[in-house]
C-alpha atoms as a PDB file:
ATOM      1  CA  MET A   1     128.547  92.952  60.462  1.00  0.00           C
ATOM      2  CA  LYS A   2     125.038  92.423  59.716  1.00  0.00           C
ATOM      3  CA  LYS A   3     124.683  89.551  62.105  1.00  0.00           C
ATOM      4  CA  LEU A   4     125.747  91.938  65.108  1.00  0.00           C
ATOM      5  CA  LEU A   5     123.244  94.559  64.007  1.00  0.00           C
ATOM      6  CA  ALA A   6     120.596  91.692  63.643  1.00  0.00           C
ATOM      7  CA  ILE A   7     121.489  90.563  67.286  1.00  0.00           C
ATOM      8  CA  CYS A   8     121.463  94.602  68.732  1.00  0.00           C
ATOM      9  CA  LEU A   9     117.750  94.564  67.151  1.00  0.00           C
ATOM     10  CA  THR A  10     116.935  91.373  68.764  1.00  0.00           C
ATOM     11  CA  ILE A  11     117.992  92.436  72.118  1.00  0.00           C
ATOM     12  CA  VAL A  12     116.095  96.319  71.727  1.00  0.00           C
ATOM     13  CA  MET A  13     113.109  94.288  70.530  1.00  0.00           C
ATOM     14  CA  LEU A  14     113.109  92.044  73.754  1.00  0.00           C
ATOM     15  CA  MET A  15     113.460  94.862  76.011  1.00  0.00           C
ATOM     16  CA  SER A  16     110.568  96.810  74.656  1.00  0.00           C
ATOM     17  CA  PHE A  17     108.267  93.613  74.956  1.00  0.00           C
ATOM     18  CA  SER A  18     109.414  93.405  78.897  1.00  0.00           C
ATOM     19  CA  VAL A  19     108.036  97.154  79.302  1.00  0.00           C
ATOM     20  CA  ILE A  20     105.257  96.273  77.661  1.00  0.00           C
ATOM     21  CA  ALA A  21     104.794  93.440  80.277  1.00  0.00           C
ATOM     22  CA  PHE A  22     103.930  95.950  82.756  1.00  0.00           C
ATOM     23  CA  ALA A  23     101.011  97.324  81.316  1.00  0.00           C
ATOM     24  CA  ALA A  24      97.652  97.056  83.338  1.00  0.00           C
ATOM     25  CA  PRO A  25      95.812  93.810  83.650  1.00  0.00           C
ATOM     26  CA  ASP A  26      92.063  94.037  82.462  1.00  0.00           C
ATOM     27  CA  ASN A  27      89.781  96.156  85.073  1.00  0.00           C
ATOM     28  CA  PHE A  28      92.622  97.709  86.489  1.00  0.00           C
ATOM     29  CA  VAL A  29      94.452 101.222  86.351  1.00  0.00           C
ATOM     30  CA  SER A  30      97.419  99.739  86.972  1.00  0.00           C
ATOM     31  CA  SER A  31      98.967  96.782  88.356  1.00  0.00           C
ATOM     32  CA  PRO A  32      97.263  96.102  92.254  1.00  0.00           C
ATOM     33  CA  SER A  33      99.557  97.952  95.136  1.00  0.00           C
ATOM     34  CA  ALA A  34     101.987  99.715  92.260  1.00  0.00           C
ATOM     35  CA  GLN A  35     102.396 102.247  94.957  1.00  0.00           C
ATOM     36  CA  THR A  36     102.491 102.139  98.851  1.00  0.00           C
ATOM     37  CA  LYS A  37      99.458 100.140 100.585  1.00  0.00           C
ATOM     38  CA  PRO A  38      96.902 102.214 102.031  1.00  0.00           C
ATOM     39  CA  GLU A  39      97.490 103.963 105.466  1.00  0.00           C
ATOM     40  CA  ILE A  40      95.344 103.446 108.650  1.00  0.00           C
ATOM     41  CA  VAL A  41      95.262 106.491 109.966  1.00  0.00           C
ATOM     42  CA  ASP A  42      92.415 105.914 112.578  1.00  0.00           C
ATOM     43  CA  PHE A  43      89.679 103.587 113.548  1.00  0.00           C
ATOM     44  CA  SER A  44      87.530 102.525 116.482  1.00  0.00           C
ATOM     45  CA  VAL A  45      85.529  99.689 117.802  1.00  0.00           C
ATOM     46  CA  GLU A  46      81.905  99.508 119.150  1.00  0.00           C
ATOM     47  CA  SER A  47      82.736  96.690 121.249  1.00  0.00           C
ATOM     48  CA  GLU A  48      84.494  97.684 124.755  1.00  0.00           C
ATOM     49  CA  ASP A  49      85.769  93.797 124.759  1.00  0.00           C
ATOM     50  CA  CYS A  50      87.549  94.111 121.694  1.00  0.00           C
ATOM     51  CA  TYR A  51      91.136  95.013 121.696  1.00  0.00           C
ATOM     52  CA  ALA A  52      92.286  94.098 118.193  1.00  0.00           C
ATOM     53  CA  GLY A  53      94.378  95.821 115.606  1.00  0.00           C
ATOM     54  CA  LEU A  54      93.982  96.060 111.825  1.00  0.00           C
ATOM     55  CA  GLU A  55      96.678  94.882 109.262  1.00  0.00           C
ATOM     56  CA  ILE A  56      96.213  96.002 105.505  1.00  0.00           C
ATOM     57  CA  THR A  57      98.095  93.978 103.090  1.00  0.00           C
ATOM     58  CA  PRO A  58      98.610  95.124  99.113  1.00  0.00           C
ATOM     59  CA  TYR A  59      97.862  92.411  96.607  1.00  0.00           C
ATOM     60  CA  SER A  60     101.896  92.613  96.052  1.00  0.00           C
ATOM     61  CA  GLU A  61     102.487  91.082  99.496  1.00  0.00           C
ATOM     62  CA  ARG A  62      99.766  88.346  99.420  1.00  0.00           C
ATOM     63  CA  ASP A  63     102.203  85.573 100.052  1.00  0.00           C
ATOM     64  CA  ASP A  64     102.675  86.809 103.456  1.00  0.00           C
ATOM     65  CA  LEU A  65      99.056  86.232 104.367  1.00  0.00           C
ATOM     66  CA  PRO A  66      97.689  82.679 105.873  1.00  0.00           C
ATOM     67  CA  GLU A  67      96.822  80.137 103.305  1.00  0.00           C
ATOM     68  CA  GLU A  68      92.871  80.337 103.230  1.00  0.00           C
ATOM     69  CA  ILE A  69      93.048  84.492 103.552  1.00  0.00           C
ATOM     70  CA  ARG A  70      95.726  84.639 100.570  1.00  0.00           C
ATOM     71  CA  GLU A  71      93.468  82.353  98.171  1.00  0.00           C
ATOM     72  CA  GLN A  72      90.240  84.356  98.842  1.00  0.00           C
ATOM     73  CA  PHE A  73      92.598  87.525  98.012  1.00  0.00           C
ATOM     74  CA  GLU A  74      93.289  85.703  94.586  1.00  0.00           C
ATOM     75  CA  LYS A  75      90.178  84.840  94.200  1.00  0.00           C
ATOM     76  CA  ALA A  76      89.188  88.533  94.262  1.00  0.00           C
ATOM     77  CA  TYR A  77      92.142  89.336  91.857  1.00  0.00           C
ATOM     78  CA  GLU A  78      91.124  86.614  89.534  1.00  0.00           C
ATOM     79  CA  GLN A  79      87.676  87.892  89.259  1.00  0.00           C
ATOM     80  CA  ILE A  80      88.180  91.391  88.846  1.00  0.00           C
ATOM     81  CA  VAL A  81      90.528  90.716  86.036  1.00  0.00           C
ATOM     82  CA  SER A  82      88.034  88.082  83.996  1.00  0.00           C
ATOM     83  CA  ALA A  83      84.793  90.184  84.365  1.00  0.00           C
ATOM     84  CA  THR A  84      83.354  91.621  81.555  1.00  0.00           C
ATOM     85  CA  ASP A  85      83.218  95.007  83.103  1.00  0.00           C
ATOM     86  CA  LEU A  86      83.327  95.836  86.861  1.00  0.00           C
ATOM     87  CA  THR A  87      79.608  96.359  87.206  1.00  0.00           C
ATOM     88  CA  ALA A  88      79.226  92.247  86.570  1.00  0.00           C
ATOM     89  CA  LEU A  89      80.370  92.100  89.652  1.00  0.00           C
ATOM     90  CA  ASN A  90      77.893  93.853  91.755  1.00  0.00           C
ATOM     91  CA  ALA A  91      74.406  95.390  90.749  1.00  0.00           C
ATOM     92  CA  ASP A  92      74.759  98.001  93.217  1.00  0.00           C
ATOM     93  CA  LEU A  93      78.075  99.344  91.762  1.00  0.00           C
ATOM     94  CA  ALA A  94      76.202  99.211  88.371  1.00  0.00           C
ATOM     95  CA  LYS A  95      73.259 101.573  89.495  1.00  0.00           C
ATOM     96  CA  VAL A  96      75.818 104.073  90.740  1.00  0.00           C
ATOM     97  CA  ALA A  97      77.718 104.025  87.285  1.00  0.00           C
ATOM     98  CA  LYS A  98      74.237 104.827  85.567  1.00  0.00           C
ATOM     99  CA  ASP A  99      73.282 107.353  88.210  1.00  0.00           C
ATOM    100  CA  LEU A 100      76.261 109.244  87.501  1.00  0.00           C
ATOM    101  CA  GLY A 101      76.613 108.623  84.081  1.00  0.00           C
ATOM    102  CA  ILE A 102      79.500 106.885  83.944  1.00  0.00           C
ATOM    103  CA  PRO A 103      79.915 104.003  81.395  1.00  0.00           C
ATOM    104  CA  ALA A 104      80.727 100.730  82.498  1.00  0.00           C
ATOM    105  CA  GLU A 105      84.048 100.945  80.534  1.00  0.00           C
ATOM    106  CA  ASN A 106      85.602 103.588  82.279  1.00  0.00           C
ATOM    107  CA  LEU A 107      85.257 101.682  85.556  1.00  0.00           C
ATOM    108  CA  ALA A 108      88.561 100.035  86.961  1.00  0.00           C
ATOM    109  CA  VAL A 109      90.111  99.193  90.159  1.00  0.00           C
ATOM    110  CA  SER A 110      92.833 101.663  91.217  1.00  0.00           C
ATOM    111  CA  GLU A 111      93.914  99.807  94.465  1.00  0.00           C
ATOM    112  CA  LEU A 112      93.231  95.881  95.708  1.00  0.00           C
ATOM    113  CA  PHE A 113      94.352  95.336  99.857  1.00  0.00           C
ATOM    114  CA  ASP A 114      92.994  93.295 102.056  1.00  0.00           C
ATOM    115  CA  VAL A 115      92.161  94.407 106.028  1.00  0.00           C
ATOM    116  CA  ARG A 116      92.179  91.524 108.853  1.00  0.00           C
ATOM    117  CA  TYR A 117      92.058  91.601 112.700  1.00  0.00           C
ATOM    118  CA  ILE A 118      95.323  91.049 114.203  1.00  0.00           C
ATOM    119  CA  ASN A 119      95.410  90.123 118.311  1.00  0.00           C
ATOM    120  CA  CYS A 120      91.805  89.899 118.714  1.00  0.00           C
ATOM    121  CA  ALA A 121      90.626  86.944 121.292  1.00  0.00           C
ATOM    122  CA  GLU A 122      87.427  85.596 120.696  1.00  0.00           C
ATOM    123  CA  HIS A 123      84.398  87.075 122.089  1.00  0.00           C
ATOM    124  CA  GLU A 124      80.760  87.543 121.278  1.00  0.00           C
ATOM    125  CA  GLY A 125      79.908  90.791 119.376  1.00  0.00           C
ATOM    126  CA  HIS A 126      82.853  92.495 117.494  1.00  0.00           C
ATOM    127  CA  GLY A 127      81.036  95.569 116.888  1.00  0.00           C
ATOM    128  CA  TYR A 128      81.748  97.863 113.909  1.00  0.00           C
ATOM    129  CA  PHE A 129      85.291  98.991 113.122  1.00  0.00           C
ATOM    130  CA  ASP A 130      85.352 102.633 111.744  1.00  0.00           C
ATOM    131  CA  ILE A 131      88.017 102.757 109.450  1.00  0.00           C
ATOM    132  CA  VAL A 132      89.886 105.799 107.780  1.00  0.00           C
ATOM    133  CA  LEU A 133      92.349 104.742 104.894  1.00  0.00           C
ATOM    134  CA  LYS A 134      94.778 107.242 103.013  1.00  0.00           C
ATOM    135  CA  PRO A 135      95.501 105.822  99.625  1.00  0.00           C
ATOM    136  CA  GLU A 136      96.806 107.273  96.776  1.00  0.00           C
ATOM    137  CA  THR A 137      94.454 106.339  94.332  1.00  0.00           C
ATOM    138  CA  LEU A 138      91.339 107.701  95.179  1.00  0.00           C
ATOM    139  CA  LYS A 139      90.931 110.306  92.355  1.00  0.00           C
ATOM    140  CA  GLY A 140      88.153 109.735  90.090  1.00  0.00           C
ATOM    141  CA  PHE A 141      86.326 107.343  93.115  1.00  0.00           C
ATOM    142  CA  VAL A 142      83.166 105.804  92.333  1.00  0.00           C
ATOM    143  CA  GLY A 143      82.964 103.107  95.088  1.00  0.00           C
ATOM    144  CA  LEU A 144      84.431 100.603  97.326  1.00  0.00           C
ATOM    145  CA  LEU A 145      83.547  96.903  96.914  1.00  0.00           C
ATOM    146  CA  HIS A 146      83.898  94.369  99.370  1.00  0.00           C
ATOM    147  CA  LEU A 147      84.158  90.548  98.974  1.00  0.00           C
ATOM    148  CA  ASN A 148      82.204  88.875 101.104  1.00  0.00           C
ATOM    149  CA  GLY A 149      82.452  85.108 101.212  1.00  0.00           C
ATOM    150  CA  GLU A 150      81.398  84.472  97.297  1.00  0.00           C
ATOM    151  CA  ASN A 151      79.629  87.717  96.472  1.00  0.00           C
ATOM    152  CA  TRP A 152      80.782  91.382  95.961  1.00  0.00           C
ATOM    153  CA  GLU A 153      79.179  93.813  98.071  1.00  0.00           C
ATOM    154  CA  LEU A 154      79.346  97.571  97.564  1.00  0.00           C
ATOM    155  CA  VAL A 155      79.952  99.356 101.024  1.00  0.00           C
ATOM    156  CA  LYS A 156      77.281 101.951 100.725  1.00  0.00           C
ATOM    157  CA  ASN A 157      78.602 104.231 103.398  1.00  0.00           C
ATOM    158  CA  ALA A 158      82.182 104.596 101.816  1.00  0.00           C
ATOM    159  CA  LYS A 159      82.788 107.982 101.033  1.00  0.00           C
ATOM    160  CA  VAL A 160      86.100 110.617 100.269  1.00  0.00           C
ATOM    161  CA  GLU A 161      86.806 113.009 103.030  1.00  0.00           C
ATOM    162  CA  GLU A 162      89.768 115.525 103.391  1.00  0.00           C
ATOM    163  CA  ASN A 163      89.829 117.405 100.235  1.00  0.00           C
ATOM    164  CA  GLY A 164      90.160 113.787  98.363  1.00  0.00           C
ATOM    165  CA  LYS A 165      92.715 112.454 100.609  1.00  0.00           C
ATOM    166  CA  HIS A 166      90.983 110.400 102.786  1.00  0.00           C
ATOM    167  CA  LEU A 167      88.701 107.063 102.282  1.00  0.00           C
ATOM    168  CA  VAL A 168      86.237 106.553 105.037  1.00  0.00           C
ATOM    169  CA  PHE A 169      84.171 103.572 105.621  1.00  0.00           C
ATOM    170  CA  SER A 170      82.429 101.228 107.930  1.00  0.00           C
ATOM    171  CA  VAL A 171      82.200  97.515 107.866  1.00  0.00           C
ATOM    172  CA  ASP A 172      81.266  94.634 110.505  1.00  0.00           C
ATOM    173  CA  ASP A 173      83.501  92.329 108.451  1.00  0.00           C
ATOM    174  CA  PHE A 174      87.130  92.198 106.705  1.00  0.00           C
ATOM    175  CA  SER A 175      88.495  90.631 103.606  1.00  0.00           C
ATOM    176  CA  PRO A 176      89.580  91.754 100.228  1.00  0.00           C
ATOM    177  CA  PHE A 177      88.599  95.512  99.284  1.00  0.00           C
ATOM    178  CA  ALA A 178      88.474  97.128  95.588  1.00  0.00           C
ATOM    179  CA  ILE A 179      88.651 100.923  95.092  1.00  0.00           C
ATOM    180  CA  VAL A 180      86.783 101.579  92.046  1.00  0.00           C
ATOM    181  CA  VAL A 181      87.481 104.959  90.073  1.00  0.00           C
ATOM    182  CA  ASN A 182      86.340 106.524  86.827  1.00  0.00           C
ATOM    183  CA  THR A 183      89.138 106.133  84.441  1.00  0.00           C
ATOM    184  CA  GLU A 184      87.893 109.043  82.812  1.00  0.00           C
ATOM    185  CA  GLU A 185      88.134 111.476  85.478  1.00  0.00           C
ATOM    186  CA  LYS A 186      91.393 109.825  86.777  1.00  0.00           C
ATOM    187  CA  GLY A 187      92.950 109.760  82.895  1.00  0.00           C
ATOM    188  CA  ALA A 188      93.219 106.293  81.900  1.00  0.00           C
ATOM    189  CA  SER A 189      96.213 107.328  79.518  1.00  0.00           C
ATOM    190  CA  ALA A 190      98.190 108.320  82.310  1.00  0.00           C
ATOM    191  CA  PRO A 191     100.604 105.749  84.007  1.00  0.00           C
ATOM    192  CA  SER A 192     100.597 105.130  87.647  1.00  0.00           C
ATOM    193  CA  THR A 193     103.790 105.845  89.928  1.00  0.00           C
ATOM    194  CA  GLY A 194     104.507 102.404  89.935  1.00  0.00           C
ATOM    195  CA  GLU A 195     104.500 101.990  86.168  1.00  0.00           C
ATOM    196  CA  ILE A 196     106.331 104.989  85.738  1.00  0.00           C
ATOM    197  CA  VAL A 197     109.265 103.805  87.747  1.00  0.00           C
ATOM    198  CA  ASN A 198     109.162 100.557  85.915  1.00  0.00           C
ATOM    199  CA  ILE A 199     109.265 102.307  82.581  1.00  0.00           C
ATOM    200  CA  ALA A 200     112.051 104.585  83.340  1.00  0.00           C
ATOM    201  CA  ILE A 201     114.073 101.818  84.670  1.00  0.00           C
ATOM    202  CA  TYR A 202     113.763 100.009  81.795  1.00  0.00           C
ATOM    203  CA  ALA A 203     114.339 102.880  79.692  1.00  0.00           C
ATOM    204  CA  VAL A 204     117.773 103.451  80.969  1.00  0.00           C
ATOM    205  CA  ILE A 205     118.584  99.834  80.577  1.00  0.00           C
ATOM    206  CA  MET A 206     117.672 100.270  77.039  1.00  0.00           C
ATOM    207  CA  VAL A 207     120.052 103.419  76.731  1.00  0.00           C
ATOM    208  CA  VAL A 208     123.119 101.594  78.469  1.00  0.00           C
ATOM    209  CA  ALA A 209     122.282  98.590  76.392  1.00  0.00           C
ATOM    210  CA  ALA A 210     122.098 100.613  73.062  1.00  0.00           C
ATOM    211  CA  VAL A 211     125.583 102.733  74.181  1.00  0.00           C
ATOM    212  CA  ALA A 212     127.365  99.497  74.536  1.00  0.00           C
ATOM    213  CA  LEU A 213     126.167  97.884  71.672  1.00  0.00           C
ATOM    214  CA  VAL A 214     127.073 101.271  69.653  1.00  0.00           C
ATOM    215  CA  PHE A 215     130.575 100.437  71.361  1.00  0.00           C
ATOM    216  CA  VAL A 216     130.978  96.956  70.424  1.00  0.00           C
ATOM    217  CA  CYS A 217     130.166  97.836  66.909  1.00  0.00           C
ATOM    218  CA  LEU A 218     132.545 100.500  66.355  1.00  0.00           C
ATOM    219  CA  LYS A 219     135.460  98.511  67.797  1.00  0.00           C
ATOM    220  CA  PHE A 220     134.471  95.565  65.937  1.00  0.00           C
ATOM    221  CA  ARG A 221     134.581  97.656  62.874  1.00  0.00           C
ATOM    222  CA  LYS A 222     137.566  99.124  64.066  1.00  0.00           C
ATOM    223  CA  LYS A 223     139.074  95.804  64.354  1.00  0.00           C
ATOM    224  CA  ASN A 224     138.213  94.844  60.899  1.00  0.00           C
ATOM    225  CA  ALA A 225     139.206  97.831  59.075  1.00  0.00           C
END
């Protein structure tokens, strides 16, 4: 009987550890793209010769990207995770945080995604795309970072409009983007939608397992009574 109880406790402990495994990595509010990917609401291009479309890819779907783009995407993720804090990635972001009175340790990435052109013929002068995104992770918005080659840049014209529902910005080049938020305002202790779903699933599994184990224990005990 004691051996059976020990096995039960071991299983419950392993399940608990698996729930912890879904905790947010360093410098992220939650795992990237725990929610649905940002949606392109609208965009326009300055060049009349360009008929390109846009494609947004969340980090969770990076394997669908061409190898070169995927490697850049993964590099962006690793740089964010390994940074002492996000202000170490970009001096302009550090200045914005300081001006707003936000401690560096309160900054985190709420979403990491890649934007790229599709169906675009080669031509001179791409012009500027004005993009309106509708992510679900804009509360506490501080800034938008863009990995341009080897360096992170702050998209200085990025702003939140439409009562906090749309992120509006314009750029002349695409690659990984990271939405930076103030976790103090967002509520750092509150898990995101993706985390809540994962925890709920594991909670149900643990309850079912516990009930099954109790049933087995009672049956075993009755059999040997």
